[in-house]
Amino acid sequence: MDEVRILSVTGNLGYGFPEKSLLEGASRNPHMIGADNGSSDPGPYYLGSGQHLTKREQVRRDLGLSLAAARRLGVPYVIGTAGTAGGRPHLDGFLDILDEVSKRDGHRYRLATIQAELDKELVKKAVREGRVRPLGPLPELTEQMVDESARIVGQMGTGPFVNALEAGADVIIAGRACDTAIYASFAAYKGLDMGLAFHMAKIIECGAQCAIPLAANDCILGTLRRDHFELEPMNLDMRLTPTSVAAHMMYEQPDPHHFFEPEGMVDLERSHIVSLDPRRVKVTGSRLVSTGKPTIKLEGVKLRGYRTITIAGMTDPRLIRSVDEVEKRVRDGVARLVQGTLRPEDYELRFIYYGCDGVRPIRGAVAHPHEVGIVIEAIAATQQAANTVLSLARSSFLHGYFDGRKATAGNLAFPFSPSDFEGGPVYEFTIYHVMEVDDPDALFPVDIREVA
């Protein structure tokens, strides 16, 4: 094929999209329709718990509309990182929604499912053989860290998707996957330039987020040809500019000129973006450069404990100036009160001051904020222990002394009753590494079945 048209319906299936944008995209006769359905951006909780970020009703709506469009056109429908984190329970949960929608709407198709959850023994073998290295300033992976993990997924590249397409799949639902692989795989299947394909995929995997006005929850069409690709938002009220498209390469990227995929490095130093008209752009010059032995990214989490929080506000200027003093007294008081029941290492207590340093540490630069919001968080090995620590910290802060205090009333204003909220299990990323492999596709088996 000399031209491939790919419709991305939204940045995350479940975020929504205007139905008229989908209809506009379908009218362009795309060769493939797809969407991402997850990320590590929402944090480690979803990978550990098996829960989904987007709710069933949201996914059912988006899936129903976009799957129906793909089946009417008779083109492949591809979803990557199903269920937010792409592990086995996430994929199974997504397939349950797919089954409901397919029965409701009477769809028939060949379904490919691709698992991404990895066996711990496989990862430990790679650790012993020195084939695993950290991504960024992280500790080296150990077999104990692998054993402590609640779940480990590998981030698949284009290969498993291509295998599914070659098997004649009409619908492909994959576990954890590189965002680009969802779309670049169709270009690989049809034999087009992969440097351009990966660059285009990197942009459209976020839906119309590169458009003006920005909207991750809208549709965009990418048209890939032999020596360039074109982009056009399917919402006729949106437009693209060279600047808006180029700026998107700074999204989640430490280097806007290069990004890495299992297949190699995508080099954008020679990329050139021009306007074709007020709504469309054309991109040339992107290249894929081989980086040697294949690697896949590993993501794993462990259970850290259980969380309880409270949210409050304070307006007393003397208290605001004295939060460090009050916080220390609260910490010391809680430690004394739980002595004999909990050791200092058995719990964590955190104070976040919005208006002072809730997002970044600028408390000294804030001259006189008239009010400050506070979040107090307790994490412990059990929910009951976290509840106890939080309750003691909250009451101690509420009634705590500080220099210059005049009133005997409480220091904090609580917007909710009850004031304390159980946050449930807390997970943390302990595996964010890459693993060298001989055959990355072998880790992600493709299962084919007929849906009628």
Protein backbone atom coordinates (compact mmCIF):
# COMPACT_ATOMS: atom_id res chain seq x y z
CA MET A 1 0.00 0.00 0.00
CA ASP A 2 1.16 3.52 -0.78
CA GLU A 3 -1.20 5.13 1.71
CA VAL A 4 -2.54 4.10 5.11
CA ARG A 5 -5.26 6.08 6.89
CA ILE A 6 -5.55 5.48 10.63
CA LEU A 7 -8.27 6.91 12.85
CA SER A 8 -7.51 7.44 16.54
CA VAL A 9 -10.84 7.94 18.28
CA THR A 10 -9.57 9.33 21.61
CA GLY A 11 -6.51 9.56 23.81
CA ASN A 12 -7.92 6.98 26.21
CA LEU A 13 -10.94 4.85 25.43
CA GLY A 14 -13.42 5.93 28.07
CA TYR A 15 -12.45 9.61 28.00
CA GLY A 16 -15.19 10.15 25.42
CA PHE A 17 -15.32 11.80 22.01
CA PRO A 18 -17.99 13.65 20.00
CA GLU A 19 -19.97 11.20 17.90
CA LYS A 20 -19.89 13.62 14.97
CA SER A 21 -16.08 13.50 15.02
CA LEU A 22 -16.19 9.70 14.77
CA LEU A 23 -18.64 9.91 11.87
CA GLU A 24 -16.39 12.41 10.11
CA GLY A 25 -13.45 10.08 10.60
CA ALA A 26 -15.39 7.07 9.34
CA SER A 27 -16.36 9.04 6.21
CA ARG A 28 -12.66 9.19 5.29
CA ASN A 29 -12.61 5.38 4.93
CA PRO A 30 -9.76 4.68 7.37
CA HIS A 31 -7.86 1.41 7.03
CA MET A 32 -7.76 0.97 10.82
CA ILE A 33 -9.52 2.38 13.89
CA GLY A 34 -7.89 2.26 17.30
CA ALA A 35 -7.41 3.71 20.74
CA ASP A 36 -5.17 3.47 23.74
CA ASN A 37 -6.88 2.44 26.97
CA GLY A 38 -4.21 2.88 29.60
CA SER A 39 -0.92 4.21 30.86
CA SER A 40 1.36 4.21 33.88
CA ASP A 41 0.48 7.92 34.31
CA PRO A 42 -2.32 7.26 36.87
CA GLY A 43 0.28 5.68 39.14
CA PRO A 44 0.97 2.23 40.53
CA TYR A 45 -2.41 1.57 42.17
CA TYR A 46 -4.13 0.26 39.05
CA LEU A 47 -1.40 -2.22 38.17
CA GLY A 48 -1.35 -3.56 41.72
CA SER A 49 -5.07 -3.66 42.39
CA GLY A 50 -6.26 -4.84 38.99
CA GLN A 51 -8.77 -1.97 38.89
CA HIS A 52 -9.58 0.27 35.90
CA LEU A 53 -9.20 4.05 35.80
CA THR A 54 -12.02 4.65 33.32
CA LYS A 55 -15.36 3.29 34.47
CA ARG A 56 -17.38 0.57 32.78
CA GLU A 57 -20.11 2.94 31.57
CA GLN A 58 -17.53 5.23 29.95
CA VAL A 59 -15.74 2.41 28.16
CA ARG A 60 -19.00 0.76 27.08
CA ARG A 61 -20.13 3.99 25.40
CA ASP A 62 -16.86 4.66 23.55
CA LEU A 63 -16.33 1.02 22.66
CA GLY A 64 -19.85 0.59 21.35
CA LEU A 65 -19.65 3.55 18.98
CA SER A 66 -16.12 2.99 17.68
CA LEU A 67 -16.36 -0.79 17.33
CA ALA A 68 -19.59 -0.39 15.36
CA ALA A 69 -17.85 2.06 13.01
CA ALA A 70 -14.98 -0.38 12.43
CA ARG A 71 -17.32 -3.29 11.76
CA ARG A 72 -19.40 -1.24 9.30
CA LEU A 73 -16.21 -0.38 7.40
CA GLY A 74 -14.77 -3.87 7.73
CA VAL A 75 -11.41 -2.60 9.05
CA PRO A 76 -9.29 -3.75 12.02
CA TYR A 77 -10.17 -2.35 15.43
CA VAL A 78 -7.18 -2.20 17.80
CA ILE A 79 -7.02 -1.41 21.54
CA GLY A 80 -3.77 -1.32 23.51
CA THR A 81 -3.09 -1.40 27.29
CA ALA A 82 -6.61 -2.57 27.97
CA GLY A 83 -8.05 -1.80 31.39
CA THR A 84 -5.55 0.95 32.34
CA ALA A 85 -2.50 -1.13 33.33
CA GLY A 86 -2.65 -3.99 30.85
CA GLY A 87 -2.28 -6.91 33.28
CA ARG A 88 -4.33 -10.10 33.19
CA PRO A 89 -7.27 -8.80 35.31
CA HIS A 90 -7.35 -5.56 33.30
CA LEU A 91 -7.50 -7.41 29.99
CA ASP A 92 -10.15 -9.80 31.31
CA GLY A 93 -12.24 -6.88 32.56
CA PHE A 94 -12.06 -5.13 29.20
CA LEU A 95 -12.99 -8.33 27.36
CA ASP A 96 -16.05 -8.63 29.57
CA ILE A 97 -17.23 -5.21 28.39
CA LEU A 98 -16.41 -6.15 24.80
CA ASP A 99 -18.49 -9.31 25.15
CA GLU A 100 -21.43 -7.32 26.51
CA VAL A 101 -21.26 -4.78 23.67
CA SER A 102 -20.83 -7.45 21.00
CA LYS A 103 -23.87 -9.42 22.19
CA ARG A 104 -25.93 -6.26 22.50
CA ASP A 105 -25.09 -5.05 18.98
CA GLY A 106 -24.84 -8.44 17.24
CA HIS A 107 -21.22 -8.20 16.09
CA ARG A 108 -19.35 -11.09 14.47
CA TYR A 109 -15.58 -10.98 14.13
CA ARG A 110 -12.26 -12.73 14.61
CA LEU A 111 -10.83 -11.63 17.96
CA ALA A 112 -7.16 -11.57 18.91
CA THR A 113 -6.19 -11.10 22.55
CA ILE A 114 -2.59 -10.48 23.60
CA GLN A 115 -1.53 -11.01 27.21
CA ALA A 116 1.27 -8.84 28.67
CA GLU A 117 1.57 -10.07 32.26
CA LEU A 118 4.91 -11.82 32.76
CA ASP A 119 5.84 -14.85 34.81
CA LYS A 120 8.10 -13.94 37.73
CA GLU A 121 10.45 -16.86 37.09
CA LEU A 122 11.14 -15.52 33.60
CA VAL A 123 12.07 -12.12 35.02
CA LYS A 124 14.22 -13.61 37.79
CA LYS A 125 16.13 -15.64 35.19
CA ALA A 126 16.87 -12.40 33.30
CA VAL A 127 18.06 -10.81 36.57
CA ARG A 128 20.46 -13.70 37.23
CA GLU A 129 21.81 -13.42 33.69
CA GLY A 130 22.41 -9.67 33.95
CA ARG A 131 19.88 -8.79 31.26
CA VAL A 132 17.92 -6.22 33.30
CA ARG A 133 18.85 -2.59 33.93
CA PRO A 134 16.95 0.29 35.58
CA LEU A 135 15.30 3.12 33.69
CA GLY A 136 16.64 6.24 35.38
CA PRO A 137 17.96 6.63 38.94
CA LEU A 138 16.50 3.41 40.33
CA PRO A 139 18.07 0.50 42.21
CA GLU A 140 19.20 -2.59 40.37
CA LEU A 141 16.48 -5.22 40.18
CA THR A 142 16.82 -8.20 42.53
CA GLU A 143 15.03 -11.52 42.66
CA GLN A 144 13.53 -10.50 46.01
CA MET A 145 12.01 -7.40 44.42
CA VAL A 146 10.50 -9.60 41.73
CA ASP A 147 9.01 -11.97 44.34
CA GLU A 148 7.56 -9.04 46.30
CA SER A 149 5.77 -7.68 43.23
CA ALA A 150 2.01 -7.89 43.10
CA ARG A 151 2.12 -7.97 39.30
CA ILE A 152 4.64 -7.45 36.49
CA VAL A 153 3.80 -6.49 32.90
CA GLY A 154 5.97 -6.09 29.85
CA GLN A 155 5.38 -3.31 27.34
CA MET A 156 4.97 -4.93 23.92
CA GLY A 157 6.01 -3.37 20.64
CA THR A 158 4.53 -3.76 17.17
CA GLY A 159 5.37 -7.44 16.66
CA PRO A 160 2.45 -9.06 18.52
CA PHE A 161 -0.03 -6.72 16.80
CA VAL A 162 1.43 -7.60 13.39
CA ASN A 163 1.15 -11.30 14.26
CA ALA A 164 -2.51 -10.76 15.08
CA LEU A 165 -3.15 -8.88 11.84
CA GLU A 166 -1.42 -11.60 9.85
CA ALA A 167 -3.72 -14.14 11.55
CA GLY A 168 -6.69 -12.26 10.12
CA ALA A 169 -7.87 -10.59 13.32
CA ASP A 170 -10.72 -8.09 12.95
CA VAL A 171 -10.48 -6.93 16.57
CA ILE A 172 -7.27 -6.85 18.61
CA ILE A 173 -7.34 -6.29 22.38
CA ALA A 174 -3.87 -6.14 23.94
CA GLY A 175 -2.48 -5.89 27.42
CA ARG A 176 0.31 -3.44 28.29
CA ALA A 177 1.67 -2.02 25.05
CA CYS A 178 3.74 0.86 23.82
CA ASP A 179 1.27 3.56 22.85
CA THR A 180 2.87 3.85 19.41
CA ALA A 181 2.58 0.12 18.73
CA ILE A 182 -1.21 0.36 18.53
CA TYR A 183 -0.95 2.40 15.33
CA ALA A 184 2.57 1.79 13.96
CA SER A 185 1.88 -1.94 13.77
CA PHE A 186 -0.54 -1.46 10.88
CA ALA A 187 2.14 0.44 8.97
CA ALA A 188 4.60 -2.38 9.66
CA TYR A 189 1.99 -4.90 8.46
CA LYS A 190 1.66 -2.97 5.19
CA GLY A 191 5.39 -2.35 4.75
CA LEU A 192 5.57 1.44 5.10
CA ASP A 193 8.43 3.54 6.53
CA MET A 194 8.61 2.92 10.26
CA GLY A 195 10.36 6.16 11.21
CA LEU A 196 7.41 8.14 9.87
CA ALA A 197 4.97 5.55 11.25
CA PHE A 198 6.31 5.79 14.80
CA HIS A 199 6.34 9.60 14.72
CA MET A 200 2.74 9.70 13.50
CA ALA A 201 1.70 7.08 16.05
CA LYS A 202 3.37 9.02 18.88
CA ILE A 203 1.15 11.99 18.07
CA ILE A 204 -2.20 10.35 17.35
CA GLU A 205 -2.08 7.97 20.34
CA CYS A 206 -3.18 10.98 22.42
CA GLY A 207 -6.19 11.61 20.22
CA ALA A 208 -6.51 15.24 19.17
CA GLN A 209 -4.33 16.52 22.00
CA CYS A 210 -2.03 18.23 19.47
CA ALA A 211 -4.95 20.23 18.06
CA ILE A 212 -6.16 23.72 18.89
CA PRO A 213 -8.14 23.87 21.10
CA LEU A 214 -6.47 20.92 22.82
CA ALA A 215 -8.68 17.87 23.36
CA ALA A 216 -7.40 14.41 24.22
CA ASN A 217 -11.03 13.28 24.06
CA ASP A 218 -11.52 13.78 20.34
CA CYS A 219 -10.67 12.04 17.07
CA ILE A 220 -7.72 12.58 14.73
CA LEU A 221 -6.86 11.05 11.36
CA GLY A 222 -3.29 10.20 10.41
CA THR A 223 -2.52 9.53 6.75
CA LEU A 224 0.83 7.81 6.18
CA ARG A 225 2.45 7.75 2.76
CA ARG A 226 5.84 6.59 1.50
CA ASP A 227 7.73 9.80 2.29
CA HIS A 228 5.52 11.77 4.69
CA PHE A 229 2.42 11.73 6.86
CA GLU A 230 -0.48 14.13 7.27
CA LEU A 231 -2.60 14.88 10.33
CA GLU A 232 -6.11 16.29 10.53
CA PRO A 233 -8.48 16.64 13.52
CA MET A 234 -11.89 15.14 12.81
CA ASN A 235 -13.64 17.81 14.84
CA LEU A 236 -14.21 20.53 12.24
CA ASP A 237 -13.92 23.21 14.94
CA MET A 238 -10.29 22.24 15.59
CA ARG A 239 -7.10 22.95 13.68
CA LEU A 240 -3.45 21.95 13.65
CA THR A 241 -0.37 24.11 13.27
CA PRO A 242 3.31 23.15 12.90
CA THR A 243 3.89 24.57 16.38
CA SER A 244 1.05 22.62 18.03
CA VAL A 245 2.26 19.36 16.46
CA ALA A 246 5.93 19.98 17.25
CA ALA A 247 5.07 20.93 20.84
CA HIS A 248 3.44 17.56 21.36
CA MET A 249 6.85 15.89 21.18
CA MET A 250 7.65 17.52 24.54
CA TYR A 251 4.72 15.59 26.06
CA GLU A 252 6.19 12.98 28.44
CA GLN A 253 9.53 13.20 26.62
CA PRO A 254 12.89 14.26 28.14
CA ASP A 255 14.22 14.88 24.61
CA PRO A 256 11.83 16.25 21.94
CA HIS A 257 14.19 15.13 19.15
CA HIS A 258 14.45 11.44 20.07
CA PHE A 259 12.28 8.77 21.63
CA PHE A 260 12.80 5.06 22.09
CA GLU A 261 10.68 2.06 21.20
CA PRO A 262 11.48 -1.67 21.38
CA GLU A 263 12.27 -1.47 17.66
CA GLY A 264 14.87 1.30 18.09
CA MET A 265 15.30 5.07 18.41
CA VAL A 266 13.05 7.43 16.48
CA ASP A 267 15.18 10.37 15.32
CA LEU A 268 13.25 13.62 14.72
CA GLU A 269 16.23 15.94 14.21
CA ARG A 270 15.51 16.11 10.46
CA SER A 271 11.73 16.17 10.79
CA HIS A 272 10.02 19.05 9.03
CA ILE A 273 6.44 20.15 9.69
CA VAL A 274 4.48 22.43 7.35
CA SER A 275 0.87 23.56 7.10
CA LEU A 276 -1.15 22.18 4.21
CA ASP A 277 -4.12 24.40 5.01
CA PRO A 278 -5.55 26.02 8.17
CA ARG A 279 -6.45 22.61 9.65
CA ARG A 280 -3.86 20.10 8.39
CA VAL A 281 -0.11 19.59 8.61
CA LYS A 282 2.44 17.48 6.73
CA VAL A 283 5.51 15.89 8.34
CA THR A 284 8.64 14.58 6.62
CA GLY A 285 12.14 13.42 7.57
CA SER A 286 11.51 11.24 10.66
CA ARG A 287 13.81 8.19 10.90
CA LEU A 288 14.02 4.92 12.82
CA VAL A 289 17.54 4.02 13.97
CA SER A 290 18.42 0.54 15.22
CA THR A 291 19.81 0.43 18.76
CA GLY A 292 21.07 -3.15 18.91
CA LYS A 293 19.65 -5.99 20.98
CA PRO A 294 15.88 -5.78 21.57
CA THR A 295 14.63 -4.76 25.00
CA ILE A 296 11.21 -4.50 26.59
CA LYS A 297 10.19 -2.26 29.44
CA LEU A 298 9.06 -3.93 32.66
CA GLU A 299 6.59 -2.39 35.09
CA GLY A 300 5.98 -3.91 38.51
CA VAL A 301 4.51 -2.79 41.81
CA LYS A 302 4.43 -4.00 45.39
CA LEU A 303 1.94 -3.43 48.19
CA ARG A 304 3.25 -0.66 50.44
CA GLY A 305 0.43 -0.54 52.98
CA TYR A 306 -2.98 1.08 53.48
CA ARG A 307 -3.87 4.76 53.38
CA THR A 308 -6.16 7.11 55.31
CA ILE A 309 -6.36 10.87 54.64
CA THR A 310 -8.11 13.98 55.86
CA ILE A 311 -8.55 17.31 54.08
CA ALA A 312 -8.85 20.65 55.88
CA GLY A 313 -8.15 24.34 55.58
CA MET A 314 -6.59 26.97 57.83
CA THR A 315 -6.74 30.75 57.80
CA ASP A 316 -5.01 31.90 61.01
CA PRO A 317 -1.92 33.79 59.78
CA ARG A 318 0.03 32.83 62.90
CA LEU A 319 -0.74 29.15 62.31
CA ILE A 320 0.25 29.41 58.64
CA ARG A 321 3.59 30.90 59.67
CA SER A 322 4.04 28.16 62.26
CA VAL A 323 3.12 25.01 60.32
CA ASP A 324 6.62 23.54 60.65
CA GLU A 325 6.47 23.95 64.43
CA VAL A 326 2.96 22.48 64.67
CA GLU A 327 3.80 19.59 62.36
CA LYS A 328 6.80 18.59 64.48
CA ARG A 329 4.69 18.62 67.64
CA VAL A 330 2.04 16.50 65.95
CA ARG A 331 4.61 13.96 64.74
CA ASP A 332 6.20 13.71 68.18
CA GLY A 333 2.80 13.45 69.86
CA VAL A 334 1.58 10.66 67.56
CA ALA A 335 4.82 8.71 68.14
CA ARG A 336 4.30 8.92 71.90
CA LEU A 337 0.64 7.93 71.72
CA VAL A 338 1.20 4.80 69.59
CA GLN A 339 4.31 3.73 71.51
CA GLY A 340 4.02 0.07 72.43
CA THR A 341 1.59 -0.54 69.56
CA LEU A 342 3.41 0.82 66.51
CA ARG A 343 7.07 1.51 65.92
CA PRO A 344 8.14 4.61 63.93
CA GLU A 345 8.99 2.36 60.96
CA ASP A 346 5.50 0.81 61.04
CA TYR A 347 3.75 3.87 59.64
CA GLU A 348 4.26 6.98 57.52
CA LEU A 349 2.77 10.39 58.19
CA ARG A 350 2.75 13.11 55.55
CA PHE A 351 1.54 16.73 55.59
CA ILE A 352 0.86 18.52 52.28
CA TYR A 353 0.16 22.26 52.40
CA TYR A 354 -1.65 23.56 49.32
CA GLY A 355 -0.96 27.27 49.03
CA CYS A 356 2.51 26.82 50.53
CA ASP A 357 4.15 23.72 49.08
CA GLY A 358 1.44 21.32 47.93
CA VAL A 359 2.81 21.10 44.39
CA ARG A 360 6.33 22.45 44.73
CA PRO A 361 8.41 23.54 47.74
CA ILE A 362 7.98 27.31 47.66
CA ARG A 363 6.75 27.94 51.19
CA GLY A 364 9.43 30.54 51.90
CA ALA A 365 8.56 32.39 48.71
CA VAL A 366 4.90 32.79 49.69
CA ALA A 367 4.76 36.02 51.67
CA HIS A 368 1.33 35.95 53.33
CA PRO A 369 -1.18 33.45 51.93
CA HIS A 370 -4.57 34.22 53.46
CA GLU A 371 -5.55 30.55 53.58
CA VAL A 372 -3.83 27.21 53.15
CA GLY A 373 -5.29 23.78 52.44
CA ILE A 374 -3.80 20.78 54.21
CA VAL A 375 -3.90 17.08 53.39
CA ILE A 376 -2.75 14.75 56.15
CA GLU A 377 -1.94 11.23 55.00
CA ALA A 378 -1.17 8.14 57.06
CA ILE A 379 0.09 4.86 55.59
CA ALA A 380 0.50 1.71 57.68
CA ALA A 381 0.56 -2.05 57.29
CA THR A 382 -3.18 -2.36 57.99
CA GLN A 383 -6.15 -0.10 57.35
CA GLN A 384 -6.94 -0.02 61.07
CA ALA A 385 -3.43 1.15 61.93
CA ALA A 386 -3.57 3.84 59.25
CA ASN A 387 -6.95 5.00 60.58
CA THR A 388 -5.53 5.25 64.10
CA VAL A 389 -2.43 7.20 63.10
CA LEU A 390 -4.45 9.60 60.96
CA SER A 391 -7.05 10.15 63.68
CA LEU A 392 -4.36 11.02 66.23
CA ALA A 393 -2.56 13.34 63.79
CA ARG A 394 -5.77 15.10 62.79
CA SER A 395 -6.92 15.76 66.34
CA SER A 396 -3.44 16.84 67.43
CA PHE A 397 -3.19 19.33 64.58
CA LEU A 398 -6.73 20.56 65.16
CA HIS A 399 -6.03 21.46 68.79
CA GLY A 400 -2.26 21.93 68.66
CA TYR A 401 -0.48 24.90 70.21
CA PHE A 402 1.70 27.40 68.36
CA ASP A 403 3.41 30.59 69.42
CA GLY A 404 1.01 33.52 69.46
CA ARG A 405 -2.13 31.42 69.48
CA LYS A 406 -5.04 33.42 70.93
CA ALA A 407 -8.16 31.33 70.32
CA THR A 408 -8.98 28.03 71.96
CA ALA A 409 -11.12 26.88 69.01
CA GLY A 410 -9.84 24.40 66.44
CA ASN A 411 -7.05 25.28 64.02
CA LEU A 412 -8.63 23.52 61.03
CA ALA A 413 -11.83 23.82 59.00
CA PHE A 414 -13.08 20.48 57.63
CA PRO A 415 -15.25 20.51 54.49
CA PHE A 416 -16.57 16.98 55.07
CA SER A 417 -18.08 14.87 57.84
CA PRO A 418 -16.74 12.32 58.48
CA SER A 419 -13.42 14.03 58.09
CA ASP A 420 -11.28 10.91 57.56
CA PHE A 421 -11.29 8.86 54.35
CA GLU A 422 -9.99 5.34 53.97
CA GLY A 423 -7.87 5.15 50.81
CA GLY A 424 -7.41 1.38 50.82
CA PRO A 425 -4.27 -0.39 49.57
CA VAL A 426 -1.27 1.66 48.49
CA TYR A 427 1.13 0.35 45.84
CA GLU A 428 4.47 1.68 44.67
CA PHE A 429 6.52 1.10 41.55
CA THR A 430 9.51 -1.07 42.35
CA ILE A 431 10.14 -2.31 38.82
CA TYR A 432 10.64 0.27 36.10
CA HIS A 433 13.41 -1.46 34.18
CA VAL A 434 14.27 -2.73 30.71
CA MET A 435 15.00 -6.37 29.97
CA GLU A 436 17.11 -7.61 27.07
CA VAL A 437 15.41 -10.38 25.11
CA ASP A 438 16.19 -12.45 22.02
CA ASP A 439 12.63 -12.53 20.74
CA PRO A 440 10.37 -9.85 22.26
CA ASP A 441 7.30 -11.15 20.43
CA ALA A 442 7.57 -14.55 22.15
CA LEU A 443 6.68 -12.96 25.50
CA PHE A 444 3.28 -11.83 24.22
CA PRO A 445 1.29 -14.80 22.85
CA VAL A 446 -1.63 -14.07 20.53
CA ASP A 447 -4.86 -15.97 21.15
CA ILE A 448 -7.37 -16.11 18.27
CA ARG A 449 -11.05 -17.00 18.54
CA GLU A 450 -14.26 -16.37 16.64
CA VAL A 451 -16.90 -14.13 18.21
CA ALA A 452 -20.46 -14.66 17.03
